């Protein structure tokens, strides 16, 4: 089973003729479920962020490939988002209507387990979401301001944790982890997080996408 390298995000909502339905804010349990551990959770996290009007959290839901293809950065996402919502005013409505019932989800995994094709029912119309699994590392240290939040020293996506030596085998057969010296005082180190997460690579609605 193979997956398309990309699905065009624009235009995706021309099939709707009315935007009469309002967008409701997410429930607390939906907000607390924000994360990227599974393809479905990653998609729902984007829905929650969009319904909450939190662009920064929306931006985090997209893959590195999506951001590079659309030439958007964290700072430039607002402009991209505003243009998208202007051209496709029914986007909020469509994602609001996306069913959250498990029986309305169809998930197909790629052969290597690193890509997934998620089909979600939207009032009888399929919403197709292509997702990719990415590796990441985050290193935080104590802030200069004692009343401030942890300072983000390293925040990056890496193509292969093992290849770039974020993870390495130990003689005992277990797995070790390390981060390159971020040129900081390691006595101020708070945390180092290394993991893999699912991110949205593209979204399409209506037309069929063959896996």
N, C-alpha and C. Protein backbone atom coordinates (compact mmCIF):
# COMPACT_ATOMS: atom_id res chain seq x y z
N UNK A 1 0.85 -1.20 0.00
CA UNK A 1 0.00 0.00 0.00
C UNK A 1 0.88 1.24 0.00
N UNK A 2 0.63 2.10 -0.94
CA UNK A 2 1.40 3.34 -1.02
C UNK A 2 0.48 4.52 -0.79
N UNK A 3 1.07 5.66 -0.50
CA UNK A 3 0.29 6.86 -0.22
C UNK A 3 0.72 7.97 -1.16
N UNK A 4 -0.20 8.88 -1.50
CA UNK A 4 0.18 10.02 -2.33
C UNK A 4 1.16 10.90 -1.58
N UNK A 5 2.08 11.52 -2.33
CA UNK A 5 3.06 12.36 -1.68
C UNK A 5 2.46 13.65 -1.16
N UNK A 6 1.32 14.06 -1.72
CA UNK A 6 0.67 15.27 -1.23
C UNK A 6 -0.80 15.29 -1.65
N UNK A 7 -1.59 15.95 -0.85
CA UNK A 7 -2.99 16.21 -1.18
C UNK A 7 -3.16 17.72 -1.10
N UNK A 8 -3.73 18.32 -2.11
CA UNK A 8 -3.86 19.78 -2.12
C UNK A 8 -4.83 20.25 -1.04
N UNK A 9 -4.42 21.21 -0.26
CA UNK A 9 -5.29 21.76 0.78
C UNK A 9 -6.30 22.73 0.19
N UNK A 10 -5.94 23.44 -0.87
CA UNK A 10 -6.83 24.43 -1.48
C UNK A 10 -7.16 24.04 -2.91
N UNK A 11 -8.43 24.13 -3.39
CA UNK A 11 -9.59 24.40 -2.55
C UNK A 11 -10.14 23.10 -1.98
N UNK A 12 -10.70 23.10 -0.80
CA UNK A 12 -11.20 21.86 -0.21
C UNK A 12 -12.66 21.91 0.17
N UNK A 13 -13.31 23.09 0.10
CA UNK A 13 -14.66 23.15 0.64
C UNK A 13 -15.70 23.75 -0.31
N UNK A 14 -15.44 23.70 -1.58
CA UNK A 14 -16.36 24.32 -2.53
C UNK A 14 -17.70 23.61 -2.60
N UNK A 15 -17.79 22.40 -2.04
CA UNK A 15 -19.04 21.65 -2.16
C UNK A 15 -20.12 22.17 -1.24
N UNK A 16 -19.75 22.99 -0.22
CA UNK A 16 -20.77 23.49 0.69
C UNK A 16 -21.38 24.80 0.18
N UNK A 17 -22.68 24.95 0.36
CA UNK A 17 -23.38 26.14 -0.13
C UNK A 17 -23.84 27.05 0.99
N UNK A 18 -23.71 26.58 2.24
CA UNK A 18 -24.23 27.39 3.35
C UNK A 18 -23.31 27.27 4.54
N UNK A 19 -23.15 28.38 5.27
CA UNK A 19 -22.35 28.38 6.50
C UNK A 19 -23.22 28.73 7.68
N UNK A 20 -24.44 28.21 7.68
CA UNK A 20 -25.40 28.60 8.71
C UNK A 20 -25.08 28.03 10.07
N UNK A 21 -24.28 26.94 10.14
CA UNK A 21 -23.98 26.32 11.43
C UNK A 21 -22.86 27.09 12.12
N UNK A 22 -23.03 27.34 13.39
CA UNK A 22 -22.00 28.04 14.14
C UNK A 22 -20.97 27.05 14.69
N UNK A 23 -19.80 27.56 15.01
CA UNK A 23 -18.73 26.74 15.55
C UNK A 23 -18.76 26.83 17.07
N UNK A 24 -18.85 25.69 17.72
CA UNK A 24 -18.88 25.67 19.18
C UNK A 24 -17.48 25.51 19.72
N UNK A 25 -17.23 26.06 20.89
CA UNK A 25 -15.93 25.90 21.53
C UNK A 25 -15.79 24.48 22.06
N UNK A 26 -14.58 23.93 22.11
CA UNK A 26 -14.39 22.56 22.57
C UNK A 26 -14.63 22.41 24.06
N UNK A 27 -14.97 21.21 24.46
CA UNK A 27 -15.17 20.90 25.87
C UNK A 27 -13.81 20.73 26.55
N UNK A 28 -13.76 20.91 27.88
CA UNK A 28 -12.47 20.77 28.59
C UNK A 28 -11.78 19.45 28.32
N UNK A 29 -12.54 18.35 28.26
CA UNK A 29 -11.90 17.04 28.03
C UNK A 29 -11.28 16.95 26.64
N UNK A 30 -11.83 17.70 25.67
CA UNK A 30 -11.25 17.73 24.34
C UNK A 30 -9.95 18.51 24.34
N UNK A 31 -9.92 19.61 25.09
CA UNK A 31 -8.70 20.42 25.19
C UNK A 31 -7.59 19.62 25.88
N UNK A 32 -7.93 18.91 26.92
CA UNK A 32 -6.93 18.12 27.65
C UNK A 32 -6.40 16.96 26.83
N UNK A 33 -7.14 16.55 25.81
CA UNK A 33 -6.72 15.44 24.97
C UNK A 33 -5.78 15.88 23.85
N UNK A 34 -5.42 17.17 23.80
CA UNK A 34 -4.54 17.70 22.76
C UNK A 34 -3.21 16.95 22.77
N UNK A 35 -2.81 16.40 21.64
CA UNK A 35 -1.55 15.67 21.56
C UNK A 35 -1.41 15.03 20.19
N UNK A 36 -0.31 14.31 20.01
CA UNK A 36 0.02 13.77 18.70
C UNK A 36 0.48 12.32 18.77
N UNK A 37 -0.04 11.58 19.73
CA UNK A 37 0.39 10.20 19.93
C UNK A 37 -0.13 9.26 18.86
N UNK A 38 -1.30 9.55 18.29
CA UNK A 38 -1.89 8.71 17.25
C UNK A 38 -2.37 9.61 16.11
N UNK A 39 -2.59 9.06 14.92
CA UNK A 39 -3.10 9.87 13.81
C UNK A 39 -4.43 10.54 14.13
N UNK A 40 -5.34 9.81 14.76
CA UNK A 40 -6.66 10.38 15.08
C UNK A 40 -6.52 11.49 16.11
N UNK A 41 -5.68 11.30 17.12
CA UNK A 41 -5.48 12.35 18.12
C UNK A 41 -4.88 13.60 17.48
N UNK A 42 -3.96 13.43 16.55
CA UNK A 42 -3.35 14.57 15.88
C UNK A 42 -4.40 15.37 15.10
N UNK A 43 -5.28 14.66 14.39
CA UNK A 43 -6.35 15.34 13.66
C UNK A 43 -7.28 16.06 14.61
N UNK A 44 -7.70 15.40 15.67
CA UNK A 44 -8.61 16.02 16.63
C UNK A 44 -7.96 17.21 17.33
N UNK A 45 -6.64 17.17 17.51
CA UNK A 45 -5.94 18.30 18.12
C UNK A 45 -6.04 19.53 17.23
N UNK A 46 -5.95 19.33 15.92
CA UNK A 46 -6.11 20.46 15.00
C UNK A 46 -7.52 21.01 15.07
N UNK A 47 -8.51 20.12 15.13
CA UNK A 47 -9.91 20.55 15.24
C UNK A 47 -10.12 21.37 16.50
N UNK A 48 -9.58 20.89 17.63
CA UNK A 48 -9.71 21.59 18.90
C UNK A 48 -9.04 22.96 18.84
N UNK A 49 -7.84 23.03 18.27
CA UNK A 49 -7.11 24.30 18.19
C UNK A 49 -7.85 25.29 17.30
N UNK A 50 -8.41 24.81 16.18
CA UNK A 50 -9.13 25.70 15.28
C UNK A 50 -10.41 26.21 15.93
N UNK A 51 -11.14 25.33 16.61
CA UNK A 51 -12.37 25.75 17.27
C UNK A 51 -12.09 26.68 18.44
N UNK A 52 -10.89 26.57 19.03
CA UNK A 52 -10.52 27.43 20.15
C UNK A 52 -9.89 28.74 19.68
N UNK A 53 -9.65 28.86 18.36
CA UNK A 53 -9.01 30.04 17.78
C UNK A 53 -7.62 30.24 18.39
N UNK A 54 -6.81 29.18 18.35
CA UNK A 54 -5.45 29.20 18.87
C UNK A 54 -4.48 28.88 17.73
N UNK A 55 -4.09 29.88 16.93
CA UNK A 55 -3.23 29.63 15.76
C UNK A 55 -1.92 28.93 16.08
N UNK A 56 -1.30 29.26 17.21
CA UNK A 56 -0.02 28.63 17.56
C UNK A 56 -0.19 27.12 17.69
N UNK A 57 -1.29 26.70 18.30
CA UNK A 57 -1.54 25.28 18.48
C UNK A 57 -1.99 24.62 17.19
N UNK A 58 -2.60 25.39 16.29
CA UNK A 58 -2.92 24.87 14.96
C UNK A 58 -1.63 24.58 14.20
N UNK A 59 -0.70 25.54 14.25
CA UNK A 59 0.57 25.42 13.53
C UNK A 59 1.32 24.17 13.96
N UNK A 60 1.26 23.85 15.23
CA UNK A 60 1.98 22.68 15.74
C UNK A 60 1.43 21.37 15.18
N UNK A 61 0.23 21.39 14.64
CA UNK A 61 -0.40 20.17 14.15
C UNK A 61 0.09 19.75 12.76
N UNK A 62 0.80 20.65 12.06
CA UNK A 62 1.22 20.36 10.70
C UNK A 62 2.64 19.81 10.66
N UNK A 63 2.90 18.97 9.65
CA UNK A 63 4.20 18.33 9.51
C UNK A 63 5.24 19.30 8.96
N UNK A 64 6.49 18.91 9.08
CA UNK A 64 7.59 19.71 8.52
C UNK A 64 7.45 19.83 7.01
N UNK A 65 7.04 18.76 6.34
CA UNK A 65 6.87 18.77 4.89
C UNK A 65 5.79 19.73 4.47
N UNK A 66 4.68 19.77 5.22
CA UNK A 66 3.58 20.69 4.91
C UNK A 66 4.06 22.14 5.03
N UNK A 67 4.78 22.44 6.10
CA UNK A 67 5.25 23.81 6.32
C UNK A 67 6.24 24.23 5.24
N UNK A 68 7.12 23.30 4.84
CA UNK A 68 8.10 23.62 3.81
C UNK A 68 7.43 23.82 2.46
N UNK A 69 6.46 22.97 2.13
CA UNK A 69 5.79 23.05 0.84
C UNK A 69 5.01 24.35 0.70
N UNK A 70 4.39 24.80 1.79
CA UNK A 70 3.60 26.02 1.77
C UNK A 70 4.40 27.25 2.20
N UNK A 71 5.70 27.04 2.49
CA UNK A 71 6.61 28.12 2.85
C UNK A 71 6.07 28.96 3.99
N UNK A 72 5.68 28.28 5.07
CA UNK A 72 5.17 29.00 6.24
C UNK A 72 6.04 28.70 7.46
N UNK A 73 6.27 29.72 8.25
CA UNK A 73 7.01 29.60 9.50
C UNK A 73 6.03 29.84 10.65
N UNK A 74 6.52 29.67 11.85
CA UNK A 74 5.66 29.93 13.01
C UNK A 74 5.13 31.36 12.98
N UNK A 75 6.01 32.31 12.63
CA UNK A 75 5.61 33.71 12.59
C UNK A 75 4.71 34.03 11.41
N UNK A 76 4.85 33.28 10.30
CA UNK A 76 4.07 33.56 9.12
C UNK A 76 2.78 32.78 9.01
N UNK A 77 2.51 31.91 10.00
CA UNK A 77 1.32 31.07 9.92
C UNK A 77 0.03 31.89 9.97
N UNK A 78 0.03 32.94 10.77
CA UNK A 78 -1.18 33.76 10.89
C UNK A 78 -1.62 34.30 9.54
N UNK A 79 -0.66 34.76 8.73
CA UNK A 79 -1.00 35.29 7.41
C UNK A 79 -1.53 34.16 6.52
N UNK A 80 -0.87 33.01 6.58
CA UNK A 80 -1.32 31.85 5.80
C UNK A 80 -2.72 31.43 6.23
N UNK A 81 -2.94 31.39 7.53
CA UNK A 81 -4.23 30.99 8.11
C UNK A 81 -5.34 31.96 7.70
N UNK A 82 -5.06 33.26 7.80
CA UNK A 82 -6.06 34.27 7.44
C UNK A 82 -6.45 34.16 5.97
N UNK A 83 -5.45 33.92 5.10
CA UNK A 83 -5.72 33.79 3.68
C UNK A 83 -6.55 32.53 3.41
N UNK A 84 -6.21 31.45 4.10
CA UNK A 84 -6.94 30.19 3.94
C UNK A 84 -8.40 30.34 4.34
N UNK A 85 -8.64 30.92 5.51
CA UNK A 85 -10.00 31.07 6.00
C UNK A 85 -10.80 32.08 5.17
N UNK A 86 -10.10 33.04 4.55
CA UNK A 86 -10.77 34.00 3.68
C UNK A 86 -11.21 33.32 2.39
N UNK A 87 -10.32 32.48 1.82
CA UNK A 87 -10.64 31.80 0.57
C UNK A 87 -11.61 30.64 0.79
N UNK A 88 -11.53 30.02 1.97
CA UNK A 88 -12.38 28.88 2.29
C UNK A 88 -13.12 29.17 3.60
N UNK A 89 -14.13 30.03 3.58
CA UNK A 89 -14.81 30.45 4.81
C UNK A 89 -15.56 29.33 5.53
N UNK A 90 -15.78 28.20 4.86
CA UNK A 90 -16.51 27.10 5.49
C UNK A 90 -15.59 26.08 6.15
N UNK A 91 -14.30 26.36 6.21
CA UNK A 91 -13.36 25.41 6.80
C UNK A 91 -13.68 25.13 8.26
N UNK A 92 -13.94 26.18 9.02
CA UNK A 92 -14.27 25.98 10.43
C UNK A 92 -15.51 25.09 10.57
N UNK A 93 -16.52 25.39 9.75
CA UNK A 93 -17.76 24.62 9.82
C UNK A 93 -17.52 23.14 9.50
N UNK A 94 -16.73 22.88 8.46
CA UNK A 94 -16.49 21.50 8.04
C UNK A 94 -15.79 20.70 9.14
N UNK A 95 -14.80 21.30 9.76
CA UNK A 95 -14.07 20.60 10.82
C UNK A 95 -14.92 20.46 12.07
N UNK A 96 -15.78 21.43 12.31
CA UNK A 96 -16.70 21.35 13.44
C UNK A 96 -17.66 20.17 13.26
N UNK A 97 -18.07 19.94 12.00
CA UNK A 97 -19.02 18.88 11.71
C UNK A 97 -18.37 17.50 11.59
N UNK A 98 -17.05 17.45 11.57
CA UNK A 98 -16.37 16.16 11.45
C UNK A 98 -16.73 15.28 12.63
N UNK A 99 -17.26 14.12 12.34
CA UNK A 99 -17.72 13.22 13.39
C UNK A 99 -16.60 12.82 14.32
N UNK A 100 -16.89 12.75 15.62
CA UNK A 100 -15.91 12.29 16.60
C UNK A 100 -16.26 10.89 17.11
N UNK A 101 -17.17 10.21 16.40
CA UNK A 101 -17.53 8.84 16.76
C UNK A 101 -16.55 7.87 16.10
N UNK A 102 -15.98 6.95 16.88
CA UNK A 102 -14.96 6.03 16.34
C UNK A 102 -15.41 5.27 15.10
N UNK A 103 -16.70 4.91 15.03
CA UNK A 103 -17.18 4.13 13.90
C UNK A 103 -17.18 4.93 12.59
N UNK A 104 -17.00 6.25 12.69
CA UNK A 104 -16.99 7.08 11.49
C UNK A 104 -15.57 7.40 11.02
N UNK A 105 -14.59 6.74 11.62
CA UNK A 105 -13.20 6.93 11.21
C UNK A 105 -12.70 5.68 10.48
N UNK A 106 -11.96 5.90 9.41
CA UNK A 106 -11.32 4.81 8.70
C UNK A 106 -9.83 5.15 8.59
N UNK A 107 -9.00 4.31 9.15
CA UNK A 107 -7.56 4.58 9.20
C UNK A 107 -6.79 3.50 8.45
N UNK A 108 -5.95 3.92 7.52
CA UNK A 108 -5.09 3.00 6.78
C UNK A 108 -3.64 3.40 7.03
N UNK A 109 -2.86 2.45 7.53
CA UNK A 109 -1.46 2.71 7.83
C UNK A 109 -0.58 2.37 6.64
N UNK A 110 0.49 3.14 6.45
CA UNK A 110 1.46 2.84 5.41
C UNK A 110 2.28 1.62 5.77
N UNK A 111 2.97 1.02 4.80
CA UNK A 111 3.71 -0.22 5.06
C UNK A 111 4.85 -0.07 6.07
N UNK A 112 5.41 1.12 6.18
CA UNK A 112 6.51 1.32 7.13
C UNK A 112 6.04 1.90 8.45
N UNK A 113 4.73 2.15 8.59
CA UNK A 113 4.20 2.68 9.84
C UNK A 113 4.49 4.14 10.07
N UNK A 114 5.04 4.83 9.07
CA UNK A 114 5.41 6.23 9.24
C UNK A 114 4.43 7.20 8.59
N UNK A 115 3.45 6.67 7.85
CA UNK A 115 2.43 7.51 7.24
C UNK A 115 1.08 6.85 7.44
N UNK A 116 0.04 7.66 7.45
CA UNK A 116 -1.31 7.14 7.66
C UNK A 116 -2.31 7.96 6.86
N UNK A 117 -3.35 7.31 6.39
CA UNK A 117 -4.41 7.96 5.65
C UNK A 117 -5.70 7.82 6.47
N UNK A 118 -6.21 8.95 6.94
CA UNK A 118 -7.39 8.96 7.81
C UNK A 118 -8.57 9.55 7.04
N UNK A 119 -9.68 8.82 7.01
CA UNK A 119 -10.90 9.31 6.38
C UNK A 119 -11.95 9.51 7.47
N UNK A 120 -12.47 10.72 7.55
CA UNK A 120 -13.43 11.10 8.58
C UNK A 120 -14.73 11.51 7.91
N UNK A 121 -15.86 11.09 8.47
CA UNK A 121 -17.15 11.46 7.93
C UNK A 121 -17.50 12.91 8.30
N UNK A 122 -17.87 13.70 7.30
CA UNK A 122 -18.34 15.07 7.53
C UNK A 122 -19.72 15.19 6.89
N UNK A 123 -20.73 14.93 7.68
CA UNK A 123 -22.11 14.99 7.19
C UNK A 123 -22.29 14.19 5.91
N UNK A 124 -21.69 13.00 5.86
CA UNK A 124 -21.82 12.12 4.71
C UNK A 124 -20.77 12.33 3.64
N UNK A 125 -19.92 13.33 3.78
CA UNK A 125 -18.85 13.60 2.82
C UNK A 125 -17.50 13.25 3.45
N UNK A 126 -16.63 12.50 2.73
CA UNK A 126 -15.35 12.10 3.32
C UNK A 126 -14.35 13.24 3.41
N UNK A 127 -13.79 13.41 4.58
CA UNK A 127 -12.67 14.33 4.79
C UNK A 127 -11.43 13.46 4.92
N UNK A 128 -10.48 13.63 4.02
CA UNK A 128 -9.29 12.80 3.98
C UNK A 128 -8.10 13.57 4.55
N UNK A 129 -7.42 12.95 5.49
CA UNK A 129 -6.28 13.58 6.16
C UNK A 129 -5.07 12.68 6.00
N UNK A 130 -4.02 13.20 5.41
CA UNK A 130 -2.76 12.48 5.28
C UNK A 130 -1.85 12.91 6.42
N UNK A 131 -1.32 11.95 7.17
CA UNK A 131 -0.48 12.25 8.32
C UNK A 131 0.87 11.56 8.20
N UNK A 132 1.88 12.17 8.80
CA UNK A 132 3.23 11.62 8.80
C UNK A 132 3.74 11.56 10.24
N UNK A 133 4.53 10.54 10.52
CA UNK A 133 5.10 10.38 11.86
C UNK A 133 6.50 10.98 11.86
N UNK A 134 6.73 11.93 12.77
CA UNK A 134 8.01 12.64 12.82
C UNK A 134 8.69 12.43 14.18
N UNK A 135 10.01 12.48 14.13
CA UNK A 135 10.79 12.45 15.37
C UNK A 135 11.08 13.88 15.81
N UNK A 136 11.21 14.10 17.11
CA UNK A 136 11.46 15.44 17.60
C UNK A 136 12.30 15.40 18.88
N UNK A 137 12.88 16.54 19.20
CA UNK A 137 13.60 16.68 20.46
C UNK A 137 13.32 18.07 21.02
N UNK A 138 13.14 18.15 22.32
CA UNK A 138 12.88 19.41 23.00
C UNK A 138 13.72 19.46 24.28
N UNK A 139 14.50 20.51 24.43
CA UNK A 139 15.33 20.69 25.62
C UNK A 139 14.96 22.01 26.28
N UNK A 140 14.65 21.97 27.58
CA UNK A 140 14.24 23.18 28.31
C UNK A 140 15.16 23.42 29.50
N UNK A 141 15.37 24.71 29.79
CA UNK A 141 16.21 25.09 30.92
C UNK A 141 15.53 26.15 31.78
N UNK A 142 16.10 26.42 32.92
CA UNK A 142 15.55 27.42 33.82
C UNK A 142 15.62 28.81 33.17
N UNK A 143 14.56 29.59 33.27
CA UNK A 143 14.55 30.93 32.66
C UNK A 143 15.33 31.93 33.50
N UNK A 144 15.75 33.00 32.85
CA UNK A 144 16.42 34.07 33.57
C UNK A 144 15.46 34.74 34.55
N UNK A 145 14.22 34.87 34.13
CA UNK A 145 13.18 35.44 34.97
C UNK A 145 12.63 34.34 35.89
N UNK A 146 12.83 34.45 37.20
CA UNK A 146 12.37 33.39 38.11
C UNK A 146 10.85 33.19 38.10
N UNK A 147 10.10 34.17 37.59
CA UNK A 147 8.65 34.04 37.51
C UNK A 147 8.20 33.55 36.14
N UNK A 148 9.16 33.35 35.24
CA UNK A 148 8.82 32.95 33.88
C UNK A 148 8.73 31.45 33.71
N UNK A 149 8.29 31.05 32.52
CA UNK A 149 8.20 29.63 32.17
C UNK A 149 9.57 29.12 31.74
N UNK A 150 9.68 27.81 31.62
CA UNK A 150 10.94 27.21 31.20
C UNK A 150 11.38 27.76 29.85
N UNK A 151 12.67 27.96 29.70
CA UNK A 151 13.23 28.50 28.46
C UNK A 151 13.50 27.35 27.49
N UNK A 152 13.03 27.49 26.25
CA UNK A 152 13.20 26.44 25.26
C UNK A 152 14.57 26.57 24.61
N UNK A 153 15.46 25.64 24.92
CA UNK A 153 16.82 25.68 24.38
C UNK A 153 16.88 25.04 23.00
N UNK A 154 16.27 23.90 22.85
CA UNK A 154 16.27 23.17 21.58
C UNK A 154 14.85 22.74 21.27
N UNK A 155 14.38 23.01 20.06
CA UNK A 155 13.04 22.61 19.62
C UNK A 155 13.14 22.31 18.14
N UNK A 156 13.29 21.04 17.79
CA UNK A 156 13.49 20.71 16.39
C UNK A 156 12.94 19.33 16.07
N UNK A 157 12.67 19.13 14.78
CA UNK A 157 12.28 17.84 14.27
C UNK A 157 13.50 17.22 13.61
N UNK A 158 13.75 15.97 13.87
CA UNK A 158 14.90 15.29 13.29
C UNK A 158 14.42 14.12 12.44
N UNK A 159 15.10 13.91 11.31
CA UNK A 159 14.67 12.86 10.40
C UNK A 159 14.81 11.46 10.99
N UNK A 160 15.85 11.22 11.73
CA UNK A 160 16.06 9.92 12.35
C UNK A 160 16.78 10.14 13.68
N UNK A 161 16.10 9.79 14.75
CA UNK A 161 16.72 9.97 16.08
C UNK A 161 17.99 9.14 16.19
N UNK A 162 17.97 7.91 15.67
CA UNK A 162 19.15 7.06 15.78
C UNK A 162 20.30 7.57 14.92
N UNK A 163 19.98 8.00 13.67
CA UNK A 163 21.02 8.46 12.77
C UNK A 163 21.72 9.70 13.30
N UNK A 164 20.98 10.59 13.93
CA UNK A 164 21.57 11.82 14.44
C UNK A 164 22.00 11.68 15.91
N UNK A 165 21.98 10.45 16.39
CA UNK A 165 22.53 10.10 17.71
C UNK A 165 21.81 10.78 18.87
N UNK A 166 20.50 11.04 18.69
CA UNK A 166 19.71 11.45 19.85
C UNK A 166 19.43 10.22 20.70
N UNK A 167 19.28 9.08 20.03
CA UNK A 167 19.11 7.81 20.71
C UNK A 167 20.23 6.88 20.26
N UNK A 168 20.71 6.04 21.17
CA UNK A 168 21.79 5.11 20.81
C UNK A 168 21.69 3.87 21.69
N UNK A 169 22.11 2.70 21.15
CA UNK A 169 22.04 1.45 21.92
C UNK A 169 23.09 1.42 23.03
N UNK A 170 22.71 0.89 24.17
CA UNK A 170 23.61 0.72 25.30
C UNK A 170 24.13 -0.72 25.32
N UNK A 171 25.31 -0.96 25.92
CA UNK A 171 25.85 -2.32 25.98
C UNK A 171 24.90 -3.32 26.62
N UNK A 172 24.06 -2.84 27.54
CA UNK A 172 23.13 -3.73 28.24
C UNK A 172 21.94 -4.12 27.36
N UNK A 173 21.86 -3.54 26.16
CA UNK A 173 20.73 -3.83 25.28
C UNK A 173 19.61 -2.82 25.41
N UNK A 174 19.72 -1.89 26.35
CA UNK A 174 18.72 -0.84 26.50
C UNK A 174 19.05 0.32 25.57
N UNK A 175 18.24 1.36 25.62
CA UNK A 175 18.40 2.51 24.74
C UNK A 175 18.80 3.73 25.55
N UNK A 176 19.85 4.42 25.12
CA UNK A 176 20.29 5.64 25.78
C UNK A 176 19.85 6.86 24.98
N UNK A 177 19.91 8.04 25.61
CA UNK A 177 19.51 9.27 24.94
C UNK A 177 20.48 10.38 25.33
N UNK A 178 20.72 11.29 24.39
CA UNK A 178 21.58 12.43 24.65
C UNK A 178 21.18 13.57 23.73
N UNK A 179 21.53 14.77 24.12
CA UNK A 179 21.28 15.94 23.29
C UNK A 179 22.60 16.68 23.09
N UNK A 180 22.90 17.14 21.89
CA UNK A 180 24.11 17.94 21.69
C UNK A 180 24.14 19.13 22.63
N UNK A 181 25.31 19.50 23.07
CA UNK A 181 25.45 20.60 24.01
C UNK A 181 24.87 21.88 23.42
N UNK A 182 23.80 22.41 24.02
CA UNK A 182 23.17 23.62 23.46
C UNK A 182 23.89 24.90 23.88
N UNK A 183 25.15 24.78 24.32
CA UNK A 183 25.92 25.94 24.77
C UNK A 183 25.24 26.66 25.92
N UNK A 184 24.71 25.87 26.83
CA UNK A 184 24.04 26.40 28.01
C UNK A 184 24.65 25.79 29.26
N UNK A 185 24.38 26.41 30.39
CA UNK A 185 24.81 25.88 31.67
C UNK A 185 23.91 24.69 32.01
N UNK A 186 24.47 23.48 31.94
CA UNK A 186 23.65 22.29 32.14
C UNK A 186 23.11 22.16 33.55
N UNK A 187 23.64 22.95 34.49
CA UNK A 187 23.06 22.96 35.83
C UNK A 187 21.65 23.55 35.82
N UNK A 188 21.35 24.30 34.75
CA UNK A 188 20.02 24.92 34.62
C UNK A 188 19.07 24.06 33.81
N UNK A 189 19.53 22.86 33.40
CA UNK A 189 18.69 21.98 32.60
C UNK A 189 17.45 21.53 33.39
N UNK A 190 16.28 21.66 32.77
CA UNK A 190 15.03 21.21 33.39
C UNK A 190 14.58 19.88 32.81
N UNK A 191 14.54 19.79 31.48
CA UNK A 191 14.05 18.56 30.87
C UNK A 191 14.59 18.39 29.46
N UNK A 192 14.63 17.14 29.01
CA UNK A 192 14.95 16.81 27.64
C UNK A 192 13.93 15.76 27.20
N UNK A 193 13.18 16.07 26.15
CA UNK A 193 12.16 15.16 25.66
C UNK A 193 12.49 14.73 24.24
N UNK A 194 12.51 13.43 24.02
CA UNK A 194 12.77 12.87 22.70
C UNK A 194 11.63 11.92 22.37
N UNK A 195 11.07 12.05 21.20
CA UNK A 195 9.96 11.17 20.88
C UNK A 195 9.55 11.22 19.43
N UNK A 196 8.43 10.58 19.14
CA UNK A 196 7.85 10.59 17.80
C UNK A 196 6.39 11.00 17.92
N UNK A 197 5.91 11.73 16.94
CA UNK A 197 4.53 12.20 16.98
C UNK A 197 3.96 12.28 15.57
N UNK A 198 2.64 12.22 15.48
CA UNK A 198 1.94 12.30 14.21
C UNK A 198 1.58 13.74 13.90
N UNK A 199 1.79 14.15 12.64
CA UNK A 199 1.46 15.50 12.22
C UNK A 199 0.71 15.45 10.88
N UNK A 200 -0.13 16.46 10.65
CA UNK A 200 -0.92 16.54 9.43
C UNK A 200 -0.05 16.98 8.26
N UNK A 201 -0.09 16.20 7.19
CA UNK A 201 0.68 16.54 5.99
C UNK A 201 -0.20 17.20 4.94
N UNK A 202 -1.49 16.90 4.93
CA UNK A 202 -2.43 17.57 4.04
C UNK A 202 -3.85 17.14 4.37
N UNK A 203 -4.80 17.94 3.88
CA UNK A 203 -6.23 17.67 4.10
C UNK A 203 -6.95 17.87 2.77
N UNK A 204 -7.89 16.99 2.48
CA UNK A 204 -8.71 17.14 1.28
C UNK A 204 -10.12 16.71 1.60
N UNK A 205 -11.10 17.28 0.94
CA UNK A 205 -12.48 16.92 1.19
C UNK A 205 -13.21 16.72 -0.13
N UNK A 206 -14.09 15.71 -0.17
CA UNK A 206 -14.87 15.43 -1.35
C UNK A 206 -14.26 14.36 -2.23
N UNK A 207 -13.29 14.73 -3.07
CA UNK A 207 -12.70 13.81 -4.04
C UNK A 207 -12.02 12.62 -3.37
N UNK A 208 -12.14 11.47 -4.01
CA UNK A 208 -11.55 10.25 -3.45
C UNK A 208 -10.04 10.26 -3.61
N UNK A 209 -9.35 9.73 -2.61
CA UNK A 209 -7.90 9.57 -2.64
C UNK A 209 -7.60 8.10 -2.53
N UNK A 210 -6.96 7.53 -3.51
CA UNK A 210 -6.69 6.10 -3.52
C UNK A 210 -5.39 5.81 -2.80
N UNK A 211 -5.40 4.91 -1.78
CA UNK A 211 -4.15 4.53 -1.10
C UNK A 211 -3.30 3.63 -1.96
